[in-house]
Amino acid sequence: RIAVDTPRLTGSIALTGGRLDDLSLRDYRQTADDTSAIVRLLRPMG
């Protein structure tokens, strides 16, 4: 994989297929609790 690292995104690109399949949004969390996990948008196969 190749890491994706921006001020607002974190994730990776799979070299198998060249897929962008792992992406989370740094600025948004699952709930209003600041300790909750950040929102994950793209998810890999499997």
All heavy atoms as atom14 arrays in JSON, in Angstrom:
{
  "sequence": "RIAVDTPRLTGSIALTGGRLDDLSLRDYRQTADDTSAIVRLLRPMG",
  "atom14_mask": [
    [1, 1, 1, 1, 1, 1, 1, 1, 1, 1, 1, 0, 0, 0],
    [1, 1, 1, 1, 1, 1, 1, 1, 0, 0, 0, 0, 0, 0],
    [1, 1, 1, 1, 1, 0, 0, 0, 0, 0, 0, 0, 0, 0],
    [1, 1, 1, 1, 1, 1, 1, 0, 0, 0, 0, 0, 0, 0],
    [1, 1, 1, 1, 1, 1, 1, 1, 0, 0, 0, 0, 0, 0],
    [1, 1, 1, 1, 1, 1, 1, 0, 0, 0, 0, 0, 0, 0],
    [1, 1, 1, 1, 1, 1, 1, 0, 0, 0, 0, 0, 0, 0],
    [1, 1, 1, 1, 1, 1, 1, 1, 1, 1, 1, 0, 0, 0],
    [1, 1, 1, 1, 1, 1, 1, 1, 0, 0, 0, 0, 0, 0],
    [1, 1, 1, 1, 1, 1, 1, 0, 0, 0, 0, 0, 0, 0],
    [1, 1, 1, 1, 0, 0, 0, 0, 0, 0, 0, 0, 0, 0],
    [1, 1, 1, 1, 1, 1, 0, 0, 0, 0, 0, 0, 0, 0],
    [1, 1, 1, 1, 1, 1, 1, 1, 0, 0, 0, 0, 0, 0],
    [1, 1, 1, 1, 1, 0, 0, 0, 0, 0, 0, 0, 0, 0],
    [1, 1, 1, 1, 1, 1, 1, 1, 0, 0, 0, 0, 0, 0],
    [1, 1, 1, 1, 1, 1, 1, 0, 0, 0, 0, 0, 0, 0],
    [1, 1, 1, 1, 0, 0, 0, 0, 0, 0, 0, 0, 0, 0],
    [1, 1, 1, 1, 0, 0, 0, 0, 0, 0, 0, 0, 0, 0],
    [1, 1, 1, 1, 1, 1, 1, 1, 1, 1, 1, 0, 0, 0],
    [1, 1, 1, 1, 1, 1, 1, 1, 0, 0, 0, 0, 0, 0],
    [1, 1, 1, 1, 1, 1, 1, 1, 0, 0, 0, 0, 0, 0],
    [1, 1, 1, 1, 1, 1, 1, 1, 0, 0, 0, 0, 0, 0],
    [1, 1, 1, 1, 1, 1, 1, 1, 0, 0, 0, 0, 0, 0],
    [1, 1, 1, 1, 1, 1, 0, 0, 0, 0, 0, 0, 0, 0],
    [1, 1, 1, 1, 1, 1, 1, 1, 0, 0, 0, 0, 0, 0],
    [1, 1, 1, 1, 1, 1, 1, 1, 1, 1, 1, 0, 0, 0],
    [1, 1, 1, 1, 1, 1, 1, 1, 0, 0, 0, 0, 0, 0],
    [1, 1, 1, 1, 1, 1, 1, 1, 1, 1, 1, 1, 0, 0],
    [1, 1, 1, 1, 1, 1, 1, 1, 1, 1, 1, 0, 0, 0],
    [1, 1, 1, 1, 1, 1, 1, 1, 1, 0, 0, 0, 0, 0],
    [1, 1, 1, 1, 1, 1, 1, 0, 0, 0, 0, 0, 0, 0],
    [1, 1, 1, 1, 1, 0, 0, 0, 0, 0, 0, 0, 0, 0],
    [1, 1, 1, 1, 1, 1, 1, 1, 0, 0, 0, 0, 0, 0],
    [1, 1, 1, 1, 1, 1, 1, 1, 0, 0, 0, 0, 0, 0],
    [1, 1, 1, 1, 1, 1, 1, 0, 0, 0, 0, 0, 0, 0],
    [1, 1, 1, 1, 1, 1, 0, 0, 0, 0, 0, 0, 0, 0],
    [1, 1, 1, 1, 1, 0, 0, 0, 0, 0, 0, 0, 0, 0],
    [1, 1, 1, 1, 1, 1, 1, 1, 0, 0, 0, 0, 0, 0],
    [1, 1, 1, 1, 1, 1, 1, 0, 0, 0, 0, 0, 0, 0],
    [1, 1, 1, 1, 1, 1, 1, 1, 1, 1, 1, 0, 0, 0],
    [1, 1, 1, 1, 1, 1, 1, 1, 0, 0, 0, 0, 0, 0],
    [1, 1, 1, 1, 1, 1, 1, 1, 0, 0, 0, 0, 0, 0],
    [1, 1, 1, 1, 1, 1, 1, 1, 1, 1, 1, 0, 0, 0],
    [1, 1, 1, 1, 1, 1, 1, 0, 0, 0, 0, 0, 0, 0],
    [1, 1, 1, 1, 1, 1, 1, 1, 0, 0, 0, 0, 0, 0],
    [1, 1, 1, 1, 0, 0, 0, 0, 0, 0, 0, 0, 0, 0]
  ],
  "atom14_positions": [
    [[0.81, -1.21, 0.0], [0.0, 0.0, 0.0], [0.85, 1.26, 0.0], [2.01, 1.24, 0.42], [-0.94, 0.03, 1.21], [-2.04, -1.02, 1.13], [-3.04, -0.92, 2.27], [-4.22, -1.73, 1.94], [-5.27, -1.3, 1.27], [-5.31, -0.03, 0.88], [-6.28, -2.1, 0.98], [0.0, 0.0, 0.0], [0.0, 0.0, 0.0], [0.0, 0.0, 0.0]],
    [[0.23, 2.33, -0.47], [0.83, 3.67, -0.41], [-0.05, 4.51, 0.51], [-1.28, 4.57, 0.33], [0.92, 4.31, -1.8], [1.87, 3.52, -2.69], [1.38, 5.76, -1.7], [1.98, 4.08, -4.08], [0.0, 0.0, 0.0], [0.0, 0.0, 0.0], [0.0, 0.0, 0.0], [0.0, 0.0, 0.0], [0.0, 0.0, 0.0], [0.0, 0.0, 0.0]],
    [[0.55, 5.15, 1.47], [-0.21, 5.93, 2.45], [-0.8, 7.19, 1.81], [-0.18, 7.81, 0.92], [0.67, 6.3, 3.63], [0.0, 0.0, 0.0], [0.0, 0.0, 0.0], [0.0, 0.0, 0.0], [0.0, 0.0, 0.0], [0.0, 0.0, 0.0], [0.0, 0.0, 0.0], [0.0, 0.0, 0.0], [0.0, 0.0, 0.0], [0.0, 0.0, 0.0]],
    [[-1.98, 7.57, 2.28], [-2.61, 8.85, 1.95], [-2.62, 9.67, 3.23], [-3.19, 9.27, 4.24], [-4.05, 8.66, 1.43], [-4.7, 10.01, 1.17], [-4.06, 7.81, 0.17], [0.0, 0.0, 0.0], [0.0, 0.0, 0.0], [0.0, 0.0, 0.0], [0.0, 0.0, 0.0], [0.0, 0.0, 0.0], [0.0, 0.0, 0.0], [0.0, 0.0, 0.0]],
    [[-1.97, 10.83, 3.19], [-1.81, 11.63, 4.39], [-1.97, 13.1, 4.03], [-1.07, 13.72, 3.47], [-0.45, 11.37, 5.03], [-0.28, 12.06, 6.38], [-1.29, 12.57, 6.9], [0.84, 12.09, 6.91], [0.0, 0.0, 0.0], [0.0, 0.0, 0.0], [0.0, 0.0, 0.0], [0.0, 0.0, 0.0], [0.0, 0.0, 0.0], [0.0, 0.0, 0.0]],
    [[-3.15, 13.67, 4.35], [-3.41, 15.09, 4.09], [-3.94, 15.71, 5.37], [-4.24, 15.0, 6.34], [-4.45, 15.27, 2.96], [-5.77, 15.09, 3.49], [-4.21, 14.3, 1.82], [0.0, 0.0, 0.0], [0.0, 0.0, 0.0], [0.0, 0.0, 0.0], [0.0, 0.0, 0.0], [0.0, 0.0, 0.0], [0.0, 0.0, 0.0], [0.0, 0.0, 0.0]],
    [[-4.07, 17.04, 5.42], [-4.63, 17.66, 6.64], [-6.02, 17.16, 6.99], [-6.42, 17.22, 8.15], [-4.64, 19.14, 6.29], [-3.56, 19.31, 5.26], [-3.6, 18.06, 4.46], [0.0, 0.0, 0.0], [0.0, 0.0, 0.0], [0.0, 0.0, 0.0], [0.0, 0.0, 0.0], [0.0, 0.0, 0.0], [0.0, 0.0, 0.0], [0.0, 0.0, 0.0]],
    [[-6.77, 16.63, 6.0], [-8.15, 16.26, 6.27], [-8.45, 14.79, 5.98], [-9.56, 14.33, 6.24], [-9.09, 17.15, 5.45], [-8.81, 18.65, 5.57], [-9.94, 19.48, 5.03], [-11.12, 19.36, 5.87], [-12.3, 19.89, 5.57], [-12.45, 20.55, 4.42], [-13.33, 19.75, 6.37], [0.0, 0.0, 0.0], [0.0, 0.0, 0.0], [0.0, 0.0, 0.0]],
    [[-7.49, 14.06, 5.43], [-7.71, 12.67, 5.06], [-6.57, 11.8, 5.57], [-5.42, 12.25, 5.67], [-7.81, 12.52, 3.54], [-8.99, 13.17, 2.83], [-8.8, 13.1, 1.32], [-10.3, 12.5, 3.24], [0.0, 0.0, 0.0], [0.0, 0.0, 0.0], [0.0, 0.0, 0.0], [0.0, 0.0, 0.0], [0.0, 0.0, 0.0], [0.0, 0.0, 0.0]],
    [[-6.92, 10.57, 5.84], [-5.9, 9.57, 6.14], [-6.38, 8.24, 5.58], [-7.57, 7.95, 5.58], [-5.64, 9.45, 7.65], [-4.62, 8.47, 7.88], [-6.88, 9.03, 8.41], [0.0, 0.0, 0.0], [0.0, 0.0, 0.0], [0.0, 0.0, 0.0], [0.0, 0.0, 0.0], [0.0, 0.0, 0.0], [0.0, 0.0, 0.0], [0.0, 0.0, 0.0]],
    [[-5.44, 7.44, 5.06], [-5.82, 6.16, 4.47], [-4.69, 5.6, 3.65], [-3.51, 5.87, 3.92], [0.0, 0.0, 0.0], [0.0, 0.0, 0.0], [0.0, 0.0, 0.0], [0.0, 0.0, 0.0], [0.0, 0.0, 0.0], [0.0, 0.0, 0.0], [0.0, 0.0, 0.0], [0.0, 0.0, 0.0], [0.0, 0.0, 0.0], [0.0, 0.0, 0.0]],
    [[-5.05, 4.82, 2.62], [-4.01, 4.2, 1.79], [-4.6, 3.75, 0.47], [-5.82, 3.61, 0.31], [-3.38, 3.0, 2.52], [-4.36, 2.01, 2.79], [0.0, 0.0, 0.0], [0.0, 0.0, 0.0], [0.0, 0.0, 0.0], [0.0, 0.0, 0.0], [0.0, 0.0, 0.0], [0.0, 0.0, 0.0], [0.0, 0.0, 0.0], [0.0, 0.0, 0.0]],
    [[-3.7, 3.52, -0.49], [-4.05, 3.02, -1.83], [-3.47, 1.62, -1.96], [-2.29, 1.39, -1.68], [-3.48, 3.93, -2.92], [-4.01, 5.35, -2.77], [-3.79, 3.38, -4.31], [-3.29, 6.37, -3.63], [0.0, 0.0, 0.0], [0.0, 0.0, 0.0], [0.0, 0.0, 0.0], [0.0, 0.0, 0.0], [0.0, 0.0, 0.0], [0.0, 0.0, 0.0]],
    [[-4.3, 0.67, -2.37], [-3.84, -0.69, -2.56], [-3.16, -0.82, -3.92], [-3.72, -0.42, -4.94], [-5.01, -1.67, -2.47], [0.0, 0.0, 0.0], [0.0, 0.0, 0.0], [0.0, 0.0, 0.0], [0.0, 0.0, 0.0], [0.0, 0.0, 0.0], [0.0, 0.0, 0.0], [0.0, 0.0, 0.0], [0.0, 0.0, 0.0], [0.0, 0.0, 0.0]],
    [[-1.93, -1.33, -3.93], [-1.25, -1.54, -5.21], [-1.92, -2.64, -6.02], [-1.81, -2.66, -7.25], [0.22, -1.86, -4.97], [1.07, -0.73, -4.37], [2.53, -1.14, -4.27], [0.94, 0.53, -5.22], [0.0, 0.0, 0.0], [0.0, 0.0, 0.0], [0.0, 0.0, 0.0], [0.0, 0.0, 0.0], [0.0, 0.0, 0.0], [0.0, 0.0, 0.0]],
    [[-2.61, -3.56, -5.37], [-3.39, -4.56, -6.09], [-4.63, -3.88, -6.66], [-5.53, -3.47, -5.92], [-3.8, -5.71, -5.18], [-2.63, -6.37, -4.67], [-4.65, -6.73, -5.93], [0.0, 0.0, 0.0], [0.0, 0.0, 0.0], [0.0, 0.0, 0.0], [0.0, 0.0, 0.0], [0.0, 0.0, 0.0], [0.0, 0.0, 0.0], [0.0, 0.0, 0.0]],
    [[-4.68, -3.72, -7.95], [-5.79, -3.02, -8.58], [-5.62, -1.51, -8.62], [-6.41, -0.84, -9.28], [0.0, 0.0, 0.0], [0.0, 0.0, 0.0], [0.0, 0.0, 0.0], [0.0, 0.0, 0.0], [0.0, 0.0, 0.0], [0.0, 0.0, 0.0], [0.0, 0.0, 0.0], [0.0, 0.0, 0.0], [0.0, 0.0, 0.0], [0.0, 0.0, 0.0]],
    [[-4.66, -0.99, -7.89], [-4.5, 0.46, -7.83], [-5.73, 1.13, -7.24], [-6.1, 2.25, -7.62], [0.0, 0.0, 0.0], [0.0, 0.0, 0.0], [0.0, 0.0, 0.0], [0.0, 0.0, 0.0], [0.0, 0.0, 0.0], [0.0, 0.0, 0.0], [0.0, 0.0, 0.0], [0.0, 0.0, 0.0], [0.0, 0.0, 0.0], [0.0, 0.0, 0.0]],
    [[-6.38, 0.44, -6.29], [-7.65, 0.92, -5.74], [-7.43, 1.93, -4.63], [-6.59, 1.74, -3.74], [-8.46, -0.25, -5.17], [-8.97, -1.23, -6.19], [-9.95, -2.21, -5.55], [-9.32, -3.03, -4.53], [-8.84, -4.25, -4.77], [-8.9, -4.76, -5.99], [-8.3, -4.95, -3.8], [0.0, 0.0, 0.0], [0.0, 0.0, 0.0], [0.0, 0.0, 0.0]],
    [[-8.23, 3.01, -4.64], [-8.35, 3.88, -3.48], [-9.48, 3.3, -2.64], [-10.67, 3.5, -2.93], [-8.67, 5.32, -3.9], [-8.85, 6.33, -2.76], [-7.6, 6.42, -1.89], [-9.22, 7.69, -3.3], [0.0, 0.0, 0.0], [0.0, 0.0, 0.0], [0.0, 0.0, 0.0], [0.0, 0.0, 0.0], [0.0, 0.0, 0.0], [0.0, 0.0, 0.0]],
    [[-9.13, 2.54, -1.61], [-10.13, 1.76, -0.88], [-10.01, 1.87, 0.63], [-10.61, 1.07, 1.36], [-10.04, 0.29, -1.29], [-8.68, -0.33, -0.95], [-7.8, 0.39, -0.44], [-8.51, -1.54, -1.2], [0.0, 0.0, 0.0], [0.0, 0.0, 0.0], [0.0, 0.0, 0.0], [0.0, 0.0, 0.0], [0.0, 0.0, 0.0], [0.0, 0.0, 0.0]],
    [[-9.26, 2.83, 1.1], [-9.06, 2.99, 2.54], [-8.94, 4.48, 2.81], [-7.89, 5.08, 2.56], [-7.8, 2.23, 2.98], [-7.48, 2.46, 4.44], [-8.41, 2.74, 5.21], [-6.28, 2.38, 4.82], [0.0, 0.0, 0.0], [0.0, 0.0, 0.0], [0.0, 0.0, 0.0], [0.0, 0.0, 0.0], [0.0, 0.0, 0.0], [0.0, 0.0, 0.0]],
    [[-10.02, 5.09, 3.28], [-10.03, 6.55, 3.44], [-10.91, 6.94, 4.62], [-12.06, 6.51, 4.72], [-10.55, 7.21, 2.16], [-10.15, 8.68, 1.95], [-8.64, 8.81, 1.79], [-10.87, 9.24, 0.73], [0.0, 0.0, 0.0], [0.0, 0.0, 0.0], [0.0, 0.0, 0.0], [0.0, 0.0, 0.0], [0.0, 0.0, 0.0], [0.0, 0.0, 0.0]],
    [[-10.34, 7.74, 5.51], [-11.07, 8.25, 6.68], [-10.95, 9.76, 6.73], [-9.97, 10.35, 6.23], [-10.52, 7.65, 7.98], [-10.68, 6.23, 7.98], [0.0, 0.0, 0.0], [0.0, 0.0, 0.0], [0.0, 0.0, 0.0], [0.0, 0.0, 0.0], [0.0, 0.0, 0.0], [0.0, 0.0, 0.0], [0.0, 0.0, 0.0], [0.0, 0.0, 0.0]],
    [[-11.94, 10.41, 7.34], [-12.02, 11.88, 7.41], [-11.57, 12.35, 8.79], [-12.23, 12.08, 9.79], [-13.45, 12.34, 7.12], [-14.14, 11.7, 5.9], [-15.52, 12.29, 5.71], [-13.3, 11.86, 4.65], [0.0, 0.0, 0.0], [0.0, 0.0, 0.0], [0.0, 0.0, 0.0], [0.0, 0.0, 0.0], [0.0, 0.0, 0.0], [0.0, 0.0, 0.0]],
    [[-10.45, 13.06, 8.81], [-9.86, 13.47, 10.09], [-10.77, 14.43, 10.87], [-10.75, 14.44, 12.11], [-8.52, 14.17, 9.86], [-7.43, 13.29, 9.28], [-6.13, 14.08, 9.18], [-5.06, 13.36, 8.51], [-4.21, 12.54, 9.14], [-4.32, 12.34, 10.44], [-3.25, 11.93, 8.46], [0.0, 0.0, 0.0], [0.0, 0.0, 0.0], [0.0, 0.0, 0.0]],
    [[-11.58, 15.25, 10.18], [-12.32, 16.32, 10.85], [-13.66, 15.88, 11.42], [-14.34, 16.67, 12.07], [-12.58, 17.47, 9.86], [-11.29, 18.13, 9.41], [-10.27, 18.01, 10.12], [-11.29, 18.76, 8.34], [0.0, 0.0, 0.0], [0.0, 0.0, 0.0], [0.0, 0.0, 0.0], [0.0, 0.0, 0.0], [0.0, 0.0, 0.0], [0.0, 0.0, 0.0]],
    [[-14.07, 14.63, 11.17], [-15.4, 14.21, 11.59], [-15.33, 12.91, 12.39], [-14.59, 12.0, 12.03], [-16.31, 14.01, 10.37], [-16.52, 15.31, 9.61], [-15.76, 15.6, 8.48], [-17.47, 16.23, 10.04], [-15.94, 16.79, 7.8], [-17.65, 17.43, 9.36], [-16.89, 17.7, 8.24], [-17.07, 18.88, 7.57], [0.0, 0.0, 0.0], [0.0, 0.0, 0.0]],
    [[-16.12, 12.87, 13.45], [-16.16, 11.7, 14.32], [-17.53, 11.04, 14.25], [-18.52, 11.64, 13.83], [-15.81, 12.08, 15.75], [-14.37, 12.61, 15.87], [-13.92, 12.77, 17.3], [-12.51, 13.2, 17.34], [-11.49, 12.37, 17.28], [-11.7, 11.06, 17.23], [-10.24, 12.82, 17.31], [0.0, 0.0, 0.0], [0.0, 0.0, 0.0], [0.0, 0.0, 0.0]],
    [[-17.58, 9.8, 14.7], [-18.82, 9.03, 14.62], [-19.93, 9.64, 15.47], [-21.1, 9.61, 15.08], [-18.57, 7.59, 15.07], [-17.55, 6.83, 14.22], [-18.11, 6.43, 12.87], [-19.28, 6.59, 12.6], [-17.24, 5.89, 12.01], [0.0, 0.0, 0.0], [0.0, 0.0, 0.0], [0.0, 0.0, 0.0], [0.0, 0.0, 0.0], [0.0, 0.0, 0.0]],
    [[-19.59, 10.19, 16.62], [-20.56, 10.8, 17.51], [-20.05, 12.16, 17.95], [-18.93, 12.58, 17.59], [-20.82, 9.92, 18.74], [-19.64, 9.91, 19.57], [-21.16, 8.49, 18.34], [0.0, 0.0, 0.0], [0.0, 0.0, 0.0], [0.0, 0.0, 0.0], [0.0, 0.0, 0.0], [0.0, 0.0, 0.0], [0.0, 0.0, 0.0], [0.0, 0.0, 0.0]],
    [[-20.86, 12.86, 18.75], [-20.44, 14.17, 19.27], [-19.35, 14.06, 20.32], [-18.75, 15.07, 20.69], [-21.65, 14.9, 19.84], [0.0, 0.0, 0.0], [0.0, 0.0, 0.0], [0.0, 0.0, 0.0], [0.0, 0.0, 0.0], [0.0, 0.0, 0.0], [0.0, 0.0, 0.0], [0.0, 0.0, 0.0], [0.0, 0.0, 0.0], [0.0, 0.0, 0.0]],
    [[-19.07, 12.85, 20.79], [-18.0, 12.62, 21.76], [-16.65, 12.78, 21.07], [-16.37, 12.12, 20.06], [-18.14, 11.22, 22.35], [-17.14, 10.94, 23.46], [-16.29, 11.82, 23.73], [-17.21, 9.86, 24.06], [0.0, 0.0, 0.0], [0.0, 0.0, 0.0], [0.0, 0.0, 0.0], [0.0, 0.0, 0.0], [0.0, 0.0, 0.0], [0.0, 0.0, 0.0]],
    [[-15.81, 13.64, 21.6], [-14.5, 13.91, 20.99], [-13.58, 12.7, 21.01], [-12.56, 12.68, 20.3], [-13.8, 15.08, 21.71], [-14.51, 16.4, 21.45], [-15.23, 16.5, 20.44], [-14.35, 17.33, 22.27], [0.0, 0.0, 0.0], [0.0, 0.0, 0.0], [0.0, 0.0, 0.0], [0.0, 0.0, 0.0], [0.0, 0.0, 0.0], [0.0, 0.0, 0.0]],
    [[-13.91, 11.7, 21.82], [-13.05, 10.51, 21.88], [-13.52, 9.39, 20.94], [-12.87, 8.35, 20.86], [-13.02, 9.96, 23.32], [-14.34, 9.57, 23.71], [-12.51, 11.03, 24.29], [0.0, 0.0, 0.0], [0.0, 0.0, 0.0], [0.0, 0.0, 0.0], [0.0, 0.0, 0.0], [0.0, 0.0, 0.0], [0.0, 0.0, 0.0], [0.0, 0.0, 0.0]],
    [[-14.63, 9.61, 20.24], [-15.12, 8.57, 19.33], [-14.25, 8.48, 18.09], [-13.46, 9.39, 17.78], [-16.57, 8.85, 18.93], [-16.66, 10.06, 18.22], [0.0, 0.0, 0.0], [0.0, 0.0, 0.0], [0.0, 0.0, 0.0], [0.0, 0.0, 0.0], [0.0, 0.0, 0.0], [0.0, 0.0, 0.0], [0.0, 0.0, 0.0], [0.0, 0.0, 0.0]],
    [[-14.37, 7.39, 17.34], [-13.55, 7.16, 16.16], [-13.92, 8.13, 15.04], [-15.06, 8.59, 14.95], [-13.72, 5.72, 15.68], [0.0, 0.0, 0.0], [0.0, 0.0, 0.0], [0.0, 0.0, 0.0], [0.0, 0.0, 0.0], [0.0, 0.0, 0.0], [0.0, 0.0, 0.0], [0.0, 0.0, 0.0], [0.0, 0.0, 0.0], [0.0, 0.0, 0.0]],
    [[-12.94, 8.43, 14.19], [-13.22, 9.29, 13.05], [-14.03, 8.52, 12.01], [-14.05, 7.29, 11.99], [-11.92, 9.86, 12.44], [-11.03, 8.73, 11.92], [-11.18, 10.72, 13.43], [-9.77, 9.23, 11.22], [0.0, 0.0, 0.0], [0.0, 0.0, 0.0], [0.0, 0.0, 0.0], [0.0, 0.0, 0.0], [0.0, 0.0, 0.0], [0.0, 0.0, 0.0]],
    [[-14.7, 9.27, 11.16], [-15.58, 8.67, 10.14], [-14.73, 8.01, 9.06], [-13.79, 8.6, 8.53], [-16.48, 9.74, 9.51], [-17.23, 9.19, 8.31], [-17.46, 10.28, 10.54], [0.0, 0.0, 0.0], [0.0, 0.0, 0.0], [0.0, 0.0, 0.0], [0.0, 0.0, 0.0], [0.0, 0.0, 0.0], [0.0, 0.0, 0.0], [0.0, 0.0, 0.0]],
    [[-15.08, 6.77, 8.74], [-14.39, 6.04, 7.67], [-15.3, 6.0, 6.46], [-16.43, 5.52, 6.53], [-14.03, 4.63, 8.12], [-13.1, 3.93, 7.13], [-12.58, 2.62, 7.69], [-11.52, 2.08, 6.85], [-10.92, 0.92, 7.07], [-11.29, 0.18, 8.1], [-9.95, 0.5, 6.28], [0.0, 0.0, 0.0], [0.0, 0.0, 0.0], [0.0, 0.0, 0.0]],
    [[-14.81, 6.48, 5.34], [-15.63, 6.58, 4.13], [-15.44, 5.38, 3.22], [-16.4, 4.69, 2.88], [-15.3, 7.87, 3.38], [-16.08, 8.13, 2.1], [-17.57, 8.24, 2.37], [-15.57, 9.39, 1.41], [0.0, 0.0, 0.0], [0.0, 0.0, 0.0], [0.0, 0.0, 0.0], [0.0, 0.0, 0.0], [0.0, 0.0, 0.0], [0.0, 0.0, 0.0]],
    [[-14.2, 5.1, 2.79], [-13.92, 4.0, 1.88], [-13.33, 2.83, 2.65], [-12.53, 3.01, 3.58], [-12.96, 4.45, 0.78], [-13.43, 5.63, -0.08], [-12.41, 5.93, -1.19], [-14.8, 5.37, -0.68], [0.0, 0.0, 0.0], [0.0, 0.0, 0.0], [0.0, 0.0, 0.0], [0.0, 0.0, 0.0], [0.0, 0.0, 0.0], [0.0, 0.0, 0.0]],
    [[-13.71, 1.61, 2.22], [-13.27, 0.39, 2.9], [-12.83, -0.64, 1.87], [-13.45, -0.76, 0.81], [-14.4, -0.19, 3.76], [-14.87, 0.73, 4.87], [-16.16, 0.24, 5.48], [-16.64, 1.12, 6.54], [-16.35, 0.99, 7.83], [-15.59, -0.01, 8.22], [-16.8, 1.83, 8.72], [0.0, 0.0, 0.0], [0.0, 0.0, 0.0], [0.0, 0.0, 0.0]],
    [[-11.79, -1.42, 2.16], [-11.25, -2.38, 1.18], [-12.11, -3.63, 1.05], [-12.9, -3.97, 1.92], [-9.87, -2.71, 1.74], [-10.0, -2.48, 3.22], [-10.97, -1.35, 3.39], [0.0, 0.0, 0.0], [0.0, 0.0, 0.0], [0.0, 0.0, 0.0], [0.0, 0.0, 0.0], [0.0, 0.0, 0.0], [0.0, 0.0, 0.0], [0.0, 0.0, 0.0]],
    [[-11.93, -4.32, -0.06], [-12.57, -5.61, -0.25], [-12.02, -6.62, 0.77], [-10.88, -6.53, 1.18], [-12.33, -6.12, -1.67], [-13.05, -5.33, -2.72], [-12.79, -6.02, -4.37], [-13.61, -7.59, -4.21], [0.0, 0.0, 0.0], [0.0, 0.0, 0.0], [0.0, 0.0, 0.0], [0.0, 0.0, 0.0], [0.0, 0.0, 0.0], [0.0, 0.0, 0.0]],
    [[-12.89, -7.55, 1.14], [-12.51, -8.55, 2.12], [-13.05, -8.23, 3.49], [-13.12, -9.1, 4.35], [0.0, 0.0, 0.0], [0.0, 0.0, 0.0], [0.0, 0.0, 0.0], [0.0, 0.0, 0.0], [0.0, 0.0, 0.0], [0.0, 0.0, 0.0], [0.0, 0.0, 0.0], [0.0, 0.0, 0.0], [0.0, 0.0, 0.0], [0.0, 0.0, 0.0]]
  ]
}
